[in-house]
Amino acid sequence: MFNIMKTIINNGVPRHNILYINFEDKRLIGLEVEDFDFIIDTFYSLTELDKKYKIYLFFDEMQNVKNLDRVIKRLYDTGKYSTFLTE
């Protein structure tokens, strides 16, 4: 994933347009699908996005959040995001 992020940045996409979350992080234990909108909203509020580019979402170890696939599908369907996932 980090090589892909590096390539994206080297191709001109600002770092601010990239969100990486490792769901094995102990601070995220107990995260529910319902909490995910809060994460995305927080990302938007803390980041100065360059609207010329898509937002790149990197979710590592996504199997640790039950039903996260539904949220990812919803985000993907908006057309605003490019998503990269690992299990």
PDB file of N, CA and C in Angstrom:
ATOM      1  N   MET A   1       0.809  -1.197   0.000  1.00  0.00           N
ATOM      2  CA  MET A   1       0.000   0.000   0.000  1.00  0.00           C
ATOM      3  C   MET A   1       0.855   1.265   0.000  1.00  0.00           C
ATOM      4  N   PHE A   2       1.918   1.225   0.790  1.00  0.00           N
ATOM      5  CA  PHE A   2       2.745   2.425   0.879  1.00  0.00           C
ATOM      6  C   PHE A   2       3.437   2.736  -0.439  1.00  0.00           C
ATOM      7  N   ASN A   3       3.781   1.714  -1.206  1.00  0.00           N
ATOM      8  CA  ASN A   3       4.365   1.943  -2.535  1.00  0.00           C
ATOM      9  C   ASN A   3       3.349   2.586  -3.464  1.00  0.00           C
ATOM     10  N   ILE A   4       2.104   2.158  -3.372  1.00  0.00           N
ATOM     11  CA  ILE A   4       1.046   2.760  -4.197  1.00  0.00           C
ATOM     12  C   ILE A   4       0.851   4.220  -3.805  1.00  0.00           C
ATOM     13  N   MET A   5       0.821   4.493  -2.499  1.00  0.00           N
ATOM     14  CA  MET A   5       0.671   5.877  -2.046  1.00  0.00           C
ATOM     15  C   MET A   5       1.823   6.742  -2.536  1.00  0.00           C
ATOM     16  N   LYS A   6       3.035   6.212  -2.470  1.00  0.00           N
ATOM     17  CA  LYS A   6       4.200   6.951  -2.943  1.00  0.00           C
ATOM     18  C   LYS A   6       4.083   7.252  -4.438  1.00  0.00           C
ATOM     19  N   THR A   7       3.645   6.277  -5.212  1.00  0.00           N
ATOM     20  CA  THR A   7       3.467   6.484  -6.653  1.00  0.00           C
ATOM     21  C   THR A   7       2.413   7.554  -6.923  1.00  0.00           C
ATOM     22  N   ILE A   8       1.321   7.505  -6.200  1.00  0.00           N
ATOM     23  CA  ILE A   8       0.251   8.501  -6.377  1.00  0.00           C
ATOM     24  C   ILE A   8       0.780   9.902  -6.078  1.00  0.00           C
ATOM     25  N   ILE A   9       1.523  10.037  -4.990  1.00  0.00           N
ATOM     26  CA  ILE A   9       2.096  11.336  -4.624  1.00  0.00           C
ATOM     27  C   ILE A   9       3.102  11.788  -5.676  1.00  0.00           C
ATOM     28  N   ASN A  10       3.936  10.867  -6.148  1.00  0.00           N
ATOM     29  CA  ASN A  10       4.914  11.206  -7.187  1.00  0.00           C
ATOM     30  C   ASN A  10       4.251  11.622  -8.490  1.00  0.00           C
ATOM     31  N   ASN A  11       3.007  11.210  -8.698  1.00  0.00           N
ATOM     32  CA  ASN A  11       2.256  11.601  -9.897  1.00  0.00           C
ATOM     33  C   ASN A  11       1.488  12.903  -9.707  1.00  0.00           C
ATOM     34  N   GLY A  12       1.742  13.589  -8.575  1.00  0.00           N
ATOM     35  CA  GLY A  12       1.181  14.928  -8.406  1.00  0.00           C
ATOM     36  C   GLY A  12      -0.007  15.052  -7.480  1.00  0.00           C
ATOM     37  N   VAL A  13      -0.514  13.959  -6.975  1.00  0.00           N
ATOM     38  CA  VAL A  13      -1.652  14.039  -6.056  1.00  0.00           C
ATOM     39  C   VAL A  13      -1.140  14.519  -4.702  1.00  0.00           C
ATOM     40  N   PRO A  14      -1.759  15.555  -4.143  1.00  0.00           N
ATOM     41  CA  PRO A  14      -1.314  16.051  -2.841  1.00  0.00           C
ATOM     42  C   PRO A  14      -1.528  15.018  -1.736  1.00  0.00           C
ATOM     43  N   ARG A  15      -0.630  15.001  -0.759  1.00  0.00           N
ATOM     44  CA  ARG A  15      -0.757  14.086   0.378  1.00  0.00           C
ATOM     45  C   ARG A  15      -2.084  14.273   1.100  1.00  0.00           C
ATOM     46  N   HIS A  16      -2.592  15.487   1.086  1.00  0.00           N
ATOM     47  CA  HIS A  16      -3.849  15.782   1.777  1.00  0.00           C
ATOM     48  C   HIS A  16      -5.032  15.015   1.203  1.00  0.00           C
ATOM     49  N   ASN A  17      -4.906  14.519  -0.004  1.00  0.00           N
ATOM     50  CA  ASN A  17      -5.994  13.792  -0.640  1.00  0.00           C
ATOM     51  C   ASN A  17      -5.914  12.286  -0.388  1.00  0.00           C
ATOM     52  N   ILE A  18      -5.058  11.890   0.524  1.00  0.00           N
ATOM     53  CA  ILE A  18      -4.873  10.470   0.817  1.00  0.00           C
ATOM     54  C   ILE A  18      -5.195  10.205   2.286  1.00  0.00           C
ATOM     55  N   LEU A  19      -6.042   9.226   2.516  1.00  0.00           N
ATOM     56  CA  LEU A  19      -6.367   8.782   3.875  1.00  0.00           C
ATOM     57  C   LEU A  19      -5.964   7.319   4.004  1.00  0.00           C
ATOM     58  N   TYR A  20      -5.113   7.046   4.986  1.00  0.00           N
ATOM     59  CA  TYR A  20      -4.688   5.677   5.275  1.00  0.00           C
ATOM     60  C   TYR A  20      -5.147   5.318   6.674  1.00  0.00           C
ATOM     61  N   ILE A  21      -5.822   4.175   6.794  1.00  0.00           N
ATOM     62  CA  ILE A  21      -6.254   3.683   8.098  1.00  0.00           C
ATOM     63  C   ILE A  21      -5.856   2.222   8.218  1.00  0.00           C
ATOM     64  N   ASN A  22      -5.148   1.912   9.305  1.00  0.00           N
ATOM     65  CA  ASN A  22      -4.809   0.533   9.618  1.00  0.00           C
ATOM     66  C   ASN A  22      -5.760   0.076  10.725  1.00  0.00           C
ATOM     67  N   PHE A  23      -6.656  -0.811  10.395  1.00  0.00           N
ATOM     68  CA  PHE A  23      -7.666  -1.255  11.346  1.00  0.00           C
ATOM     69  C   PHE A  23      -7.136  -2.256  12.366  1.00  0.00           C
ATOM     70  N   GLU A  24      -5.829  -2.503  12.351  1.00  0.00           N
ATOM     71  CA  GLU A  24      -5.214  -3.268  13.430  1.00  0.00           C
ATOM     72  C   GLU A  24      -4.683  -2.359  14.531  1.00  0.00           C
ATOM     73  N   ASP A  25      -4.762  -1.060  14.321  1.00  0.00           N
ATOM     74  CA  ASP A  25      -4.328  -0.097  15.334  1.00  0.00           C
ATOM     75  C   ASP A  25      -5.182  -0.280  16.590  1.00  0.00           C
ATOM     76  N   LYS A  26      -4.537  -0.443  17.723  1.00  0.00           N
ATOM     77  CA  LYS A  26      -5.245  -0.703  18.986  1.00  0.00           C
ATOM     78  C   LYS A  26      -6.229   0.407  19.339  1.00  0.00           C
ATOM     79  N   ARG A  27      -5.972   1.613  18.870  1.00  0.00           N
ATOM     80  CA  ARG A  27      -6.880   2.727  19.157  1.00  0.00           C
ATOM     81  C   ARG A  27      -8.210   2.596  18.422  1.00  0.00           C
ATOM     82  N   LEU A  28      -8.261   1.711  17.438  1.00  0.00           N
ATOM     83  CA  LEU A  28      -9.493   1.537  16.660  1.00  0.00           C
ATOM     84  C   LEU A  28     -10.275   0.286  17.058  1.00  0.00           C
ATOM     85  N   ILE A  29      -9.805  -0.417  18.086  1.00  0.00           N
ATOM     86  CA  ILE A  29     -10.518  -1.602  18.557  1.00  0.00           C
ATOM     87  C   ILE A  29     -11.917  -1.191  19.005  1.00  0.00           C
ATOM     88  N   GLY A  30     -12.893  -1.921  18.560  1.00  0.00           N
ATOM     89  CA  GLY A  30     -14.281  -1.621  18.908  1.00  0.00           C
ATOM     90  C   GLY A  30     -14.956  -0.676  17.931  1.00  0.00           C
ATOM     91  N   LEU A  31     -14.230  -0.262  16.892  1.00  0.00           N
ATOM     92  CA  LEU A  31     -14.810   0.622  15.891  1.00  0.00           C
ATOM     93  C   LEU A  31     -15.990  -0.077  15.224  1.00  0.00           C
ATOM     94  N   GLU A  32     -17.072   0.622  15.104  1.00  0.00           N
ATOM     95  CA  GLU A  32     -18.272   0.105  14.456  1.00  0.00           C
ATOM     96  C   GLU A  32     -18.469   0.809  13.122  1.00  0.00           C
ATOM     97  N   VAL A  33     -19.207   0.191  12.235  1.00  0.00           N
ATOM     98  CA  VAL A  33     -19.505   0.790  10.938  1.00  0.00           C
ATOM     99  C   VAL A  33     -20.161   2.160  11.123  1.00  0.00           C
ATOM    100  N   GLU A  34     -20.983   2.289  12.147  1.00  0.00           N
ATOM    101  CA  GLU A  34     -21.675   3.547  12.407  1.00  0.00           C
ATOM    102  C   GLU A  34     -20.700   4.686  12.704  1.00  0.00           C
ATOM    103  N   ASP A  35     -19.496   4.359  13.168  1.00  0.00           N
ATOM    104  CA  ASP A  35     -18.487   5.372  13.485  1.00  0.00           C
ATOM    105  C   ASP A  35     -17.767   5.876  12.244  1.00  0.00           C
ATOM    106  N   PHE A  36     -17.941   5.208  11.146  1.00  0.00           N
ATOM    107  CA  PHE A  36     -17.129   5.495   9.979  1.00  0.00           C
ATOM    108  C   PHE A  36     -17.428   6.853   9.366  1.00  0.00           C
ATOM    109  N   ASP A  37     -18.682   7.283   9.374  1.00  0.00           N
ATOM    110  CA  ASP A  37     -19.001   8.611   8.857  1.00  0.00           C
ATOM    111  C   ASP A  37     -18.260   9.686   9.649  1.00  0.00           C
ATOM    112  N   PHE A  38     -18.106   9.473  10.950  1.00  0.00           N
ATOM    113  CA  PHE A  38     -17.369  10.408  11.786  1.00  0.00           C
ATOM    114  C   PHE A  38     -15.908  10.498  11.337  1.00  0.00           C
ATOM    115  N   ILE A  39     -15.323   9.359  10.994  1.00  0.00           N
ATOM    116  CA  ILE A  39     -13.931   9.338  10.534  1.00  0.00           C
ATOM    117  C   ILE A  39     -13.793  10.139   9.240  1.00  0.00           C
ATOM    118  N   ILE A  40     -14.673   9.901   8.305  1.00  0.00           N
ATOM    119  CA  ILE A  40     -14.614  10.623   7.023  1.00  0.00           C
ATOM    120  C   ILE A  40     -14.861  12.112   7.242  1.00  0.00           C
ATOM    121  N   ASP A  41     -15.853  12.454   8.055  1.00  0.00           N
ATOM    122  CA  ASP A  41     -16.129  13.868   8.350  1.00  0.00           C
ATOM    123  C   ASP A  41     -14.928  14.542   9.009  1.00  0.00           C
ATOM    124  N   THR A  42     -14.262  13.839   9.916  1.00  0.00           N
ATOM    125  CA  THR A  42     -13.081  14.382  10.574  1.00  0.00           C
ATOM    126  C   THR A  42     -11.945  14.583   9.576  1.00  0.00           C
ATOM    127  N   PHE A  43     -11.763  13.632   8.688  1.00  0.00           N
ATOM    128  CA  PHE A  43     -10.754  13.762   7.635  1.00  0.00           C
ATOM    129  C   PHE A  43     -10.998  15.029   6.826  1.00  0.00           C
ATOM    130  N   TYR A  44     -12.251  15.255   6.418  1.00  0.00           N
ATOM    131  CA  TYR A  44     -12.583  16.457   5.646  1.00  0.00           C
ATOM    132  C   TYR A  44     -12.330  17.728   6.446  1.00  0.00           C
ATOM    133  N   SER A  45     -12.647  17.725   7.724  1.00  0.00           N
ATOM    134  CA  SER A  45     -12.504  18.940   8.519  1.00  0.00           C
ATOM    135  C   SER A  45     -11.040  19.262   8.848  1.00  0.00           C
ATOM    136  N   LEU A  46     -10.174  18.265   8.862  1.00  0.00           N
ATOM    137  CA  LEU A  46      -8.774  18.490   9.219  1.00  0.00           C
ATOM    138  C   LEU A  46      -7.851  18.623   8.018  1.00  0.00           C
ATOM    139  N   THR A  47      -8.382  18.449   6.826  1.00  0.00           N
ATOM    140  CA  THR A  47      -7.545  18.378   5.631  1.00  0.00           C
ATOM    141  C   THR A  47      -7.972  19.421   4.610  1.00  0.00           C
ATOM    142  N   GLU A  48      -6.992  20.037   3.974  1.00  0.00           N
ATOM    143  CA  GLU A  48      -7.271  20.955   2.870  1.00  0.00           C
ATOM    144  C   GLU A  48      -7.160  20.170   1.571  1.00  0.00           C
ATOM    145  N   LEU A  49      -8.274  19.644   1.111  1.00  0.00           N
ATOM    146  CA  LEU A  49      -8.284  18.813  -0.092  1.00  0.00           C
ATOM    147  C   LEU A  49      -8.103  19.655  -1.340  1.00  0.00           C
ATOM    148  N   ASP A  50      -7.405  19.099  -2.302  1.00  0.00           N
ATOM    149  CA  ASP A  50      -7.301  19.713  -3.617  1.00  0.00           C
ATOM    150  C   ASP A  50      -8.403  19.085  -4.461  1.00  0.00           C
ATOM    151  N   LYS A  51      -9.426  19.853  -4.764  1.00  0.00           N
ATOM    152  CA  LYS A  51     -10.610  19.319  -5.428  1.00  0.00           C
ATOM    153  C   LYS A  51     -10.373  18.925  -6.879  1.00  0.00           C
ATOM    154  N   LYS A  52      -9.176  19.198  -7.402  1.00  0.00           N
ATOM    155  CA  LYS A  52      -8.843  18.760  -8.759  1.00  0.00           C
ATOM    156  C   LYS A  52      -8.590  17.258  -8.809  1.00  0.00           C
ATOM    157  N   TYR A  53      -8.363  16.669  -7.635  1.00  0.00           N
ATOM    158  CA  TYR A  53      -8.002  15.253  -7.556  1.00  0.00           C
ATOM    159  C   TYR A  53      -9.036  14.471  -6.752  1.00  0.00           C
ATOM    160  N   LYS A  54      -9.101  13.186  -7.052  1.00  0.00           N
ATOM    161  CA  LYS A  54      -9.921  12.295  -6.241  1.00  0.00           C
ATOM    162  C   LYS A  54      -9.315  12.176  -4.853  1.00  0.00           C
ATOM    163  N   ILE A  55     -10.088  11.607  -3.966  1.00  0.00           N
ATOM    164  CA  ILE A  55      -9.593  11.265  -2.640  1.00  0.00           C
ATOM    165  C   ILE A  55      -9.243   9.786  -2.674  1.00  0.00           C
ATOM    166  N   TYR A  56      -8.075   9.461  -2.187  1.00  0.00           N
ATOM    167  CA  TYR A  56      -7.591   8.081  -2.181  1.00  0.00           C
ATOM    168  C   TYR A  56      -7.710   7.526  -0.771  1.00  0.00           C
ATOM    169  N   LEU A  57      -8.461   6.449  -0.642  1.00  0.00           N
ATOM    170  CA  LEU A  57      -8.692   5.812   0.646  1.00  0.00           C
ATOM    171  C   LEU A  57      -7.941   4.490   0.688  1.00  0.00           C
ATOM    172  N   PHE A  58      -7.114   4.309   1.695  1.00  0.00           N
ATOM    173  CA  PHE A  58      -6.359   3.080   1.901  1.00  0.00           C
ATOM    174  C   PHE A  58      -6.794   2.481   3.232  1.00  0.00           C
ATOM    175  N   PHE A  59      -7.407   1.313   3.168  1.00  0.00           N
ATOM    176  CA  PHE A  59      -7.892   0.640   4.370  1.00  0.00           C
ATOM    177  C   PHE A  59      -7.158  -0.683   4.522  1.00  0.00           C
ATOM    178  N   ASP A  60      -6.340  -0.749   5.548  1.00  0.00           N
ATOM    179  CA  ASP A  60      -5.519  -1.915   5.804  1.00  0.00           C
ATOM    180  C   ASP A  60      -6.168  -2.761   6.892  1.00  0.00           C
ATOM    181  N   GLU A  61      -6.250  -4.062   6.652  1.00  0.00           N
ATOM    182  CA  GLU A  61      -6.846  -5.013   7.604  1.00  0.00           C
ATOM    183  C   GLU A  61      -8.316  -4.707   7.866  1.00  0.00           C
ATOM    184  N   MET A  62      -9.037  -4.463   6.786  1.00  0.00           N
ATOM    185  CA  MET A  62     -10.444  -4.064   6.909  1.00  0.00           C
ATOM    186  C   MET A  62     -11.338  -5.144   7.499  1.00  0.00           C
ATOM    187  N   GLN A  63     -10.894  -6.384   7.530  1.00  0.00           N
ATOM    188  CA  GLN A  63     -11.717  -7.460   8.087  1.00  0.00           C
ATOM    189  C   GLN A  63     -11.941  -7.267   9.588  1.00  0.00           C
ATOM    190  N   ASN A  64     -11.191  -6.371  10.200  1.00  0.00           N
ATOM    191  CA  ASN A  64     -11.336  -6.144  11.636  1.00  0.00           C
ATOM    192  C   ASN A  64     -12.556  -5.300  12.001  1.00  0.00           C
ATOM    193  N   VAL A  65     -13.238  -4.766  10.996  1.00  0.00           N
ATOM    194  CA  VAL A  65     -14.456  -3.991  11.242  1.00  0.00           C
ATOM    195  C   VAL A  65     -15.610  -4.690  10.531  1.00  0.00           C
ATOM    196  N   LYS A  66     -16.526  -5.199  11.317  1.00  0.00           N
ATOM    197  CA  LYS A  66     -17.656  -5.944  10.774  1.00  0.00           C
ATOM    198  C   LYS A  66     -18.499  -5.062   9.857  1.00  0.00           C
ATOM    199  N   ASN A  67     -18.816  -5.587   8.686  1.00  0.00           N
ATOM    200  CA  ASN A  67     -19.671  -4.938   7.675  1.00  0.00           C
ATOM    201  C   ASN A  67     -19.058  -3.681   7.054  1.00  0.00           C
ATOM    202  N   LEU A  68     -17.749  -3.503   7.188  1.00  0.00           N
ATOM    203  CA  LEU A  68     -17.113  -2.333   6.590  1.00  0.00           C
ATOM    204  C   LEU A  68     -17.256  -2.323   5.071  1.00  0.00           C
ATOM    205  N   ASP A  69     -17.401  -3.493   4.483  1.00  0.00           N
ATOM    206  CA  ASP A  69     -17.555  -3.574   3.027  1.00  0.00           C
ATOM    207  C   ASP A  69     -18.744  -2.763   2.536  1.00  0.00           C
ATOM    208  N   ARG A  70     -19.797  -2.670   3.315  1.00  0.00           N
ATOM    209  CA  ARG A  70     -20.981  -1.882   2.914  1.00  0.00           C
ATOM    210  C   ARG A  70     -20.657  -0.392   2.859  1.00  0.00           C
ATOM    211  N   VAL A  71     -19.889   0.076   3.826  1.00  0.00           N
ATOM    212  CA  VAL A  71     -19.491   1.486   3.851  1.00  0.00           C
ATOM    213  C   VAL A  71     -18.583   1.780   2.668  1.00  0.00           C
ATOM    214  N   ILE A  72     -17.652   0.900   2.412  1.00  0.00           N
ATOM    215  CA  ILE A  72     -16.720   1.096   1.309  1.00  0.00           C
ATOM    216  C   ILE A  72     -17.460   1.125  -0.018  1.00  0.00           C
ATOM    217  N   LYS A  73     -18.424   0.262  -0.192  1.00  0.00           N
ATOM    218  CA  LYS A  73     -19.239   0.254  -1.424  1.00  0.00           C
ATOM    219  C   LYS A  73     -19.967   1.578  -1.590  1.00  0.00           C
ATOM    220  N   ARG A  74     -20.528   2.086  -0.485  1.00  0.00           N
ATOM    221  CA  ARG A  74     -21.251   3.365  -0.539  1.00  0.00           C
ATOM    222  C   ARG A  74     -20.299   4.496  -0.927  1.00  0.00           C
ATOM    223  N   LEU A  75     -19.106   4.524  -0.335  1.00  0.00           N
ATOM    224  CA  LEU A  75     -18.129   5.556  -0.671  1.00  0.00           C
ATOM    225  C   LEU A  75     -17.676   5.435  -2.124  1.00  0.00           C
ATOM    226  N   TYR A  76     -17.405   4.213  -2.551  1.00  0.00           N
ATOM    227  CA  TYR A  76     -16.969   3.969  -3.927  1.00  0.00           C
ATOM    228  C   TYR A  76     -18.026   4.433  -4.927  1.00  0.00           C
ATOM    229  N   ASP A  77     -19.277   4.167  -4.630  1.00  0.00           N
ATOM    230  CA  ASP A  77     -20.366   4.510  -5.543  1.00  0.00           C
ATOM    231  C   ASP A  77     -20.525   6.012  -5.755  1.00  0.00           C
ATOM    232  N   THR A  78     -19.992   6.836  -4.854  1.00  0.00           N
ATOM    233  CA  THR A  78     -20.095   8.287  -5.045  1.00  0.00           C
ATOM    234  C   THR A  78     -19.233   8.771  -6.196  1.00  0.00           C
ATOM    235  N   GLY A  79     -18.206   7.993  -6.562  1.00  0.00           N
ATOM    236  CA  GLY A  79     -17.309   8.408  -7.631  1.00  0.00           C
ATOM    237  C   GLY A  79     -16.237   9.383  -7.192  1.00  0.00           C
ATOM    238  N   LYS A  80     -16.222   9.777  -5.922  1.00  0.00           N
ATOM    239  CA  LYS A  80     -15.250  10.746  -5.419  1.00  0.00           C
ATOM    240  C   LYS A  80     -13.981  10.089  -4.897  1.00  0.00           C
ATOM    241  N   TYR A  81     -14.013   8.782  -4.749  1.00  0.00           N
ATOM    242  CA  TYR A  81     -12.919   8.095  -4.084  1.00  0.00           C
ATOM    243  C   TYR A  81     -12.323   6.980  -4.944  1.00  0.00           C
ATOM    244  N   SER A  82     -11.035   6.790  -4.772  1.00  0.00           N
ATOM    245  CA  SER A  82     -10.374   5.586  -5.244  1.00  0.00           C
ATOM    246  C   SER A  82     -10.011   4.822  -3.988  1.00  0.00           C
ATOM    247  N   THR A  83     -10.384   3.565  -3.931  1.00  0.00           N
ATOM    248  CA  THR A  83     -10.184   2.790  -2.697  1.00  0.00           C
ATOM    249  C   THR A  83      -9.202   1.652  -2.912  1.00  0.00           C
ATOM    250  N   PHE A  84      -8.401   1.409  -1.877  1.00  0.00           N
ATOM    251  CA  PHE A  84      -7.439   0.324  -1.863  1.00  0.00           C
ATOM    252  C   PHE A  84      -7.614  -0.404  -0.543  1.00  0.00           C
ATOM    253  N   LEU A  85      -7.771  -1.730  -0.619  1.00  0.00           N
ATOM    254  CA  LEU A  85      -8.122  -2.513   0.560  1.00  0.00           C
ATOM    255  C   LEU A  85      -7.202  -3.698   0.734  1.00  0.00           C
ATOM    256  N   THR A  86      -6.942  -4.056   2.006  1.00  0.00           N
ATOM    257  CA  THR A  86      -6.260  -5.299   2.296  1.00  0.00           C
ATOM    258  C   THR A  86      -7.012  -6.017   3.406  1.00  0.00           C
ATOM    259  N   GLU A  87      -6.858  -7.338   3.413  1.00  0.00           N
ATOM    260  CA  GLU A  87      -7.419  -8.163   4.486  1.00  0.00           C
ATOM    261  C   GLU A  87      -6.307  -8.935   5.117  1.00  0.00           C
TER     262      GLU A  87
END
